[in-house]
Amino acid sequence: MRKIFSFPILGAVMVSIVTTGCARDTKPDETQTSVLENLPFVYRMTVQQGNILTEEMVDALELGMTKRQAHFVLGTPLLVSFFHTNRWDYIYTIKRGHQPMEQRDLTLYFEGEQLVRIEGDLRSDPSLAAASTPEQILIEVPDYKPREGLVRKGLNSLGLETKD
């Protein structure tokens, strides 16, 4: 019986297949998307990441605050370095549908337990925080009217029980 393939030829074919497979550029684009994904009628959900940062929250910050007070105002920082425990980084990103991604950064620096510096996209304005007065909410609660159950109504209709 005659051999169709010899070992050296088969080995050369296998090596060429493997090397051409590795030579192909398989690095994906920045984000692999479908062609249909960019159409305006295709729904893309809103994606939020990090701590929500608003101007009111940043205005409530004051130099000299303790770490605990800053934590109460802004929440837990997204990044706290093991080597730089006196620096807290707050990062907030939001991507709404087909709009470009928005990013807000805020960095707090502490000396000991006191807030000494604030850096980032949002700047605090303590005069705005002091000028805003808390709103008072008035809630009216109606007087309590006891409800009678079916048994009590039946007894009252027979005259067997008196009302309180």
C-alpha atoms as a PDB file:
ATOM      1  CA  MET A   1       0.000   0.000   0.000  1.00  0.00           C
ATOM      2  CA  ARG A   2       1.282   3.423  -0.905  1.00  0.00           C
ATOM      3  CA  LYS A   3       1.441   6.439   1.493  1.00  0.00           C
ATOM      4  CA  ILE A   4      -0.363   9.500   0.218  1.00  0.00           C
ATOM      5  CA  PHE A   5       1.139  11.954   2.696  1.00  0.00           C
ATOM      6  CA  SER A   6       4.542  11.720   4.159  1.00  0.00           C
ATOM      7  CA  PHE A   7       5.337  12.901   7.655  1.00  0.00           C
ATOM      8  CA  PRO A   8       7.453  15.945   6.654  1.00  0.00           C
ATOM      9  CA  ILE A   9       4.789  17.252   4.279  1.00  0.00           C
ATOM     10  CA  LEU A  10       2.042  16.764   6.859  1.00  0.00           C
ATOM     11  CA  GLY A  11       4.179  18.534   9.486  1.00  0.00           C
ATOM     12  CA  ALA A  12       4.847  21.486   7.139  1.00  0.00           C
ATOM     13  CA  VAL A  13       1.119  21.836   6.404  1.00  0.00           C
ATOM     14  CA  MET A  14       0.236  21.819  10.138  1.00  0.00           C
ATOM     15  CA  VAL A  15       2.918  24.410  10.969  1.00  0.00           C
ATOM     16  CA  SER A  16       1.715  26.714   8.183  1.00  0.00           C
ATOM     17  CA  ILE A  17      -1.916  26.447   9.371  1.00  0.00           C
ATOM     18  CA  VAL A  18      -0.962  27.227  12.960  1.00  0.00           C
ATOM     19  CA  THR A  19       1.270  30.183  12.058  1.00  0.00           C
ATOM     20  CA  THR A  20      -1.253  31.762   9.695  1.00  0.00           C
ATOM     21  CA  GLY A  21      -3.938  31.413  12.354  1.00  0.00           C
ATOM     22  CA  CYS A  22      -1.752  33.256  14.853  1.00  0.00           C
ATOM     23  CA  ALA A  23      -0.742  35.907  12.343  1.00  0.00           C
ATOM     24  CA  ARG A  24      -4.316  37.007  11.794  1.00  0.00           C
ATOM     25  CA  ASP A  25      -5.227  40.237  13.590  1.00  0.00           C
ATOM     26  CA  THR A  26      -7.843  39.090  16.072  1.00  0.00           C
ATOM     27  CA  LYS A  27      -7.755  42.242  18.203  1.00  0.00           C
ATOM     28  CA  PRO A  28     -11.331  43.497  18.356  1.00  0.00           C
ATOM     29  CA  ASP A  29     -12.322  47.080  17.784  1.00  0.00           C
ATOM     30  CA  GLU A  30     -12.668  49.367  20.779  1.00  0.00           C
ATOM     31  CA  THR A  31     -16.146  47.953  21.236  1.00  0.00           C
ATOM     32  CA  GLN A  32     -17.417  45.317  18.875  1.00  0.00           C
ATOM     33  CA  THR A  33     -20.869  46.442  17.865  1.00  0.00           C
ATOM     34  CA  SER A  34     -23.427  45.411  15.367  1.00  0.00           C
ATOM     35  CA  VAL A  35     -24.180  47.591  12.367  1.00  0.00           C
ATOM     36  CA  LEU A  36     -27.795  47.769  13.555  1.00  0.00           C
ATOM     37  CA  GLU A  37     -26.817  49.080  17.003  1.00  0.00           C
ATOM     38  CA  ASN A  38     -26.156  52.607  15.716  1.00  0.00           C
ATOM     39  CA  LEU A  39     -29.616  53.028  14.226  1.00  0.00           C
ATOM     40  CA  PRO A  40     -31.687  55.663  16.088  1.00  0.00           C
ATOM     41  CA  PHE A  41     -34.675  53.388  16.771  1.00  0.00           C
ATOM     42  CA  VAL A  42     -32.566  50.736  18.527  1.00  0.00           C
ATOM     43  CA  TYR A  43     -32.875  51.063  22.315  1.00  0.00           C
ATOM     44  CA  ARG A  44     -29.689  51.506  24.321  1.00  0.00           C
ATOM     45  CA  MET A  45     -30.147  51.618  28.050  1.00  0.00           C
ATOM     46  CA  THR A  46     -28.643  54.227  30.352  1.00  0.00           C
ATOM     47  CA  VAL A  47     -25.550  53.014  32.186  1.00  0.00           C
ATOM     48  CA  GLN A  48     -24.407  54.772  35.381  1.00  0.00           C
ATOM     49  CA  GLN A  49     -21.268  53.881  37.256  1.00  0.00           C
ATOM     50  CA  GLY A  50     -19.641  55.270  40.376  1.00  0.00           C
ATOM     51  CA  ASN A  51     -20.966  57.760  42.904  1.00  0.00           C
ATOM     52  CA  ILE A  52     -23.628  60.199  41.751  1.00  0.00           C
ATOM     53  CA  LEU A  53     -22.175  63.693  42.136  1.00  0.00           C
ATOM     54  CA  THR A  54     -24.442  66.737  42.120  1.00  0.00           C
ATOM     55  CA  GLU A  55     -23.635  70.401  42.597  1.00  0.00           C
ATOM     56  CA  GLU A  56     -25.693  70.459  45.798  1.00  0.00           C
ATOM     57  CA  MET A  57     -23.606  67.648  47.277  1.00  0.00           C
ATOM     58  CA  VAL A  58     -20.342  69.379  46.412  1.00  0.00           C
ATOM     59  CA  ASP A  59     -21.669  72.719  47.724  1.00  0.00           C
ATOM     60  CA  ALA A  60     -22.342  71.045  51.062  1.00  0.00           C
ATOM     61  CA  LEU A  61     -18.618  70.296  51.420  1.00  0.00           C
ATOM     62  CA  GLU A  62     -16.593  72.717  53.520  1.00  0.00           C
ATOM     63  CA  LEU A  63     -12.898  72.845  54.229  1.00  0.00           C
ATOM     64  CA  GLY A  64     -12.246  71.634  57.754  1.00  0.00           C
ATOM     65  CA  MET A  65     -14.899  68.896  57.635  1.00  0.00           C
ATOM     66  CA  THR A  66     -13.968  65.546  59.122  1.00  0.00           C
ATOM     67  CA  LYS A  67     -13.713  62.385  57.042  1.00  0.00           C
ATOM     68  CA  ARG A  68     -16.915  61.155  58.607  1.00  0.00           C
ATOM     69  CA  GLN A  69     -18.830  64.301  57.627  1.00  0.00           C
ATOM     70  CA  ALA A  70     -17.515  64.128  54.038  1.00  0.00           C
ATOM     71  CA  HIS A  71     -18.507  60.462  53.902  1.00  0.00           C
ATOM     72  CA  PHE A  72     -22.009  61.419  55.052  1.00  0.00           C
ATOM     73  CA  VAL A  73     -22.338  64.070  52.311  1.00  0.00           C
ATOM     74  CA  LEU A  74     -20.850  62.175  49.348  1.00  0.00           C
ATOM     75  CA  GLY A  75     -21.000  58.522  50.336  1.00  0.00           C
ATOM     76  CA  THR A  76     -18.253  55.939  50.157  1.00  0.00           C
ATOM     77  CA  PRO A  77     -15.438  56.987  47.806  1.00  0.00           C
ATOM     78  CA  LEU A  78     -14.923  54.878  44.712  1.00  0.00           C
ATOM     79  CA  LEU A  79     -11.143  54.854  45.105  1.00  0.00           C
ATOM     80  CA  VAL A  80      -9.146  54.943  48.322  1.00  0.00           C
ATOM     81  CA  SER A  81      -5.503  54.116  47.786  1.00  0.00           C
ATOM     82  CA  PHE A  82      -3.819  51.893  50.321  1.00  0.00           C
ATOM     83  CA  PHE A  83      -0.721  54.087  50.078  1.00  0.00           C
ATOM     84  CA  HIS A  84      -2.566  57.446  50.058  1.00  0.00           C
ATOM     85  CA  THR A  85      -5.307  57.091  52.663  1.00  0.00           C
ATOM     86  CA  ASN A  86      -5.689  60.866  52.891  1.00  0.00           C
ATOM     87  CA  ARG A  87      -6.946  61.084  49.296  1.00  0.00           C
ATOM     88  CA  TRP A  88     -10.466  60.090  48.298  1.00  0.00           C
ATOM     89  CA  ASP A  89     -11.490  59.874  44.632  1.00  0.00           C
ATOM     90  CA  TYR A  90     -15.106  60.047  43.515  1.00  0.00           C
ATOM     91  CA  ILE A  91     -15.790  59.213  39.858  1.00  0.00           C
ATOM     92  CA  TYR A  92     -19.184  59.228  38.170  1.00  0.00           C
ATOM     93  CA  THR A  93     -19.875  58.216  34.570  1.00  0.00           C
ATOM     94  CA  ILE A  94     -23.183  58.071  32.755  1.00  0.00           C
ATOM     95  CA  LYS A  95     -23.948  56.958  29.217  1.00  0.00           C
ATOM     96  CA  ARG A  96     -27.467  57.826  28.099  1.00  0.00           C
ATOM     97  CA  GLY A  97     -28.608  55.904  25.045  1.00  0.00           C
ATOM     98  CA  HIS A  98     -26.804  57.088  21.910  1.00  0.00           C
ATOM     99  CA  GLN A  99     -25.318  60.209  23.567  1.00  0.00           C
ATOM    100  CA  PRO A 100     -21.613  60.404  24.407  1.00  0.00           C
ATOM    101  CA  MET A 101     -20.494  59.353  27.873  1.00  0.00           C
ATOM    102  CA  GLU A 102     -20.302  62.055  30.566  1.00  0.00           C
ATOM    103  CA  GLN A 103     -17.726  61.816  33.351  1.00  0.00           C
ATOM    104  CA  ARG A 104     -17.369  63.782  36.591  1.00  0.00           C
ATOM    105  CA  ASP A 105     -14.357  63.541  38.869  1.00  0.00           C
ATOM    106  CA  LEU A 106     -13.899  64.824  42.403  1.00  0.00           C
ATOM    107  CA  THR A 107     -10.870  64.363  44.664  1.00  0.00           C
ATOM    108  CA  LEU A 108     -10.803  65.182  48.371  1.00  0.00           C
ATOM    109  CA  TYR A 109      -7.534  65.633  50.274  1.00  0.00           C
ATOM    110  CA  PHE A 110      -7.332  65.276  54.042  1.00  0.00           C
ATOM    111  CA  GLU A 111      -4.666  66.078  56.610  1.00  0.00           C
ATOM    112  CA  GLY A 112      -5.308  63.873  59.569  1.00  0.00           C
ATOM    113  CA  GLU A 113      -9.091  63.912  59.860  1.00  0.00           C
ATOM    114  CA  GLN A 114      -9.696  67.385  58.341  1.00  0.00           C
ATOM    115  CA  LEU A 115     -10.618  68.187  54.722  1.00  0.00           C
ATOM    116  CA  VAL A 116      -7.979  70.592  53.347  1.00  0.00           C
ATOM    117  CA  ARG A 117      -8.413  70.597  49.540  1.00  0.00           C
ATOM    118  CA  ILE A 118     -11.057  69.804  46.919  1.00  0.00           C
ATOM    119  CA  GLU A 119     -10.207  69.206  43.252  1.00  0.00           C
ATOM    120  CA  GLY A 120     -12.252  68.078  40.295  1.00  0.00           C
ATOM    121  CA  ASP A 121     -14.801  68.995  37.658  1.00  0.00           C
ATOM    122  CA  LEU A 122     -17.347  70.290  40.164  1.00  0.00           C
ATOM    123  CA  ARG A 123     -16.353  73.197  42.398  1.00  0.00           C
ATOM    124  CA  SER A 124     -17.941  73.833  45.764  1.00  0.00           C
ATOM    125  CA  ASP A 125     -19.518  77.206  46.484  1.00  0.00           C
ATOM    126  CA  PRO A 126     -20.211  77.432  50.240  1.00  0.00           C
ATOM    127  CA  SER A 127     -22.190  80.670  49.798  1.00  0.00           C
ATOM    128  CA  LEU A 128     -24.823  78.781  47.783  1.00  0.00           C
ATOM    129  CA  ALA A 129     -25.068  76.093  50.432  1.00  0.00           C
ATOM    130  CA  ALA A 130     -25.456  78.704  53.171  1.00  0.00           C
ATOM    131  CA  ALA A 131     -28.042  80.679  51.175  1.00  0.00           C
ATOM    132  CA  SER A 132     -30.279  77.706  50.549  1.00  0.00           C
ATOM    133  CA  THR A 133     -32.756  77.192  53.356  1.00  0.00           C
ATOM    134  CA  PRO A 134     -34.207  73.785  54.050  1.00  0.00           C
ATOM    135  CA  GLU A 135     -37.792  73.459  52.917  1.00  0.00           C
ATOM    136  CA  GLN A 136     -40.421  72.782  55.533  1.00  0.00           C
ATOM    137  CA  ILE A 137     -43.003  70.195  54.648  1.00  0.00           C
ATOM    138  CA  LEU A 138     -46.387  70.318  56.361  1.00  0.00           C
ATOM    139  CA  ILE A 139     -48.369  67.114  56.409  1.00  0.00           C
ATOM    140  CA  GLU A 140     -51.989  67.112  57.543  1.00  0.00           C
ATOM    141  CA  VAL A 141     -53.267  63.890  59.005  1.00  0.00           C
ATOM    142  CA  PRO A 142     -57.055  63.467  59.189  1.00  0.00           C
ATOM    143  CA  ASP A 143     -58.656  62.636  62.546  1.00  0.00           C
ATOM    144  CA  TYR A 144     -58.940  58.974  63.350  1.00  0.00           C
ATOM    145  CA  LYS A 145     -62.370  57.457  62.821  1.00  0.00           C
ATOM    146  CA  PRO A 146     -62.680  53.929  64.151  1.00  0.00           C
ATOM    147  CA  ARG A 147     -64.277  51.480  61.776  1.00  0.00           C
ATOM    148  CA  GLU A 148     -66.858  49.053  62.986  1.00  0.00           C
ATOM    149  CA  GLY A 149     -66.639  45.437  62.021  1.00  0.00           C
ATOM    150  CA  LEU A 150     -69.510  43.326  60.761  1.00  0.00           C
ATOM    151  CA  VAL A 151     -70.210  41.752  64.187  1.00  0.00           C
ATOM    152  CA  ARG A 152     -70.249  45.096  66.007  1.00  0.00           C
ATOM    153  CA  LYS A 153     -72.572  46.602  63.384  1.00  0.00           C
ATOM    154  CA  GLY A 154     -74.937  43.644  63.802  1.00  0.00           C
ATOM    155  CA  LEU A 155     -74.936  43.943  67.603  1.00  0.00           C
ATOM    156  CA  ASN A 156     -75.514  47.707  67.405  1.00  0.00           C
ATOM    157  CA  SER A 157     -78.440  47.225  65.024  1.00  0.00           C
ATOM    158  CA  LEU A 158     -80.020  44.774  67.522  1.00  0.00           C
ATOM    159  CA  GLY A 159     -79.388  47.167  70.371  1.00  0.00           C
ATOM    160  CA  LEU A 160     -77.260  44.680  72.284  1.00  0.00           C
ATOM    161  CA  GLU A 161     -74.082  46.784  72.374  1.00  0.00           C
ATOM    162  CA  THR A 162     -73.672  50.456  73.084  1.00  0.00           C
ATOM    163  CA  LYS A 163     -71.292  52.757  71.258  1.00  0.00           C
ATOM    164  CA  ASP A 164     -68.273  54.071  73.093  1.00  0.00           C
END
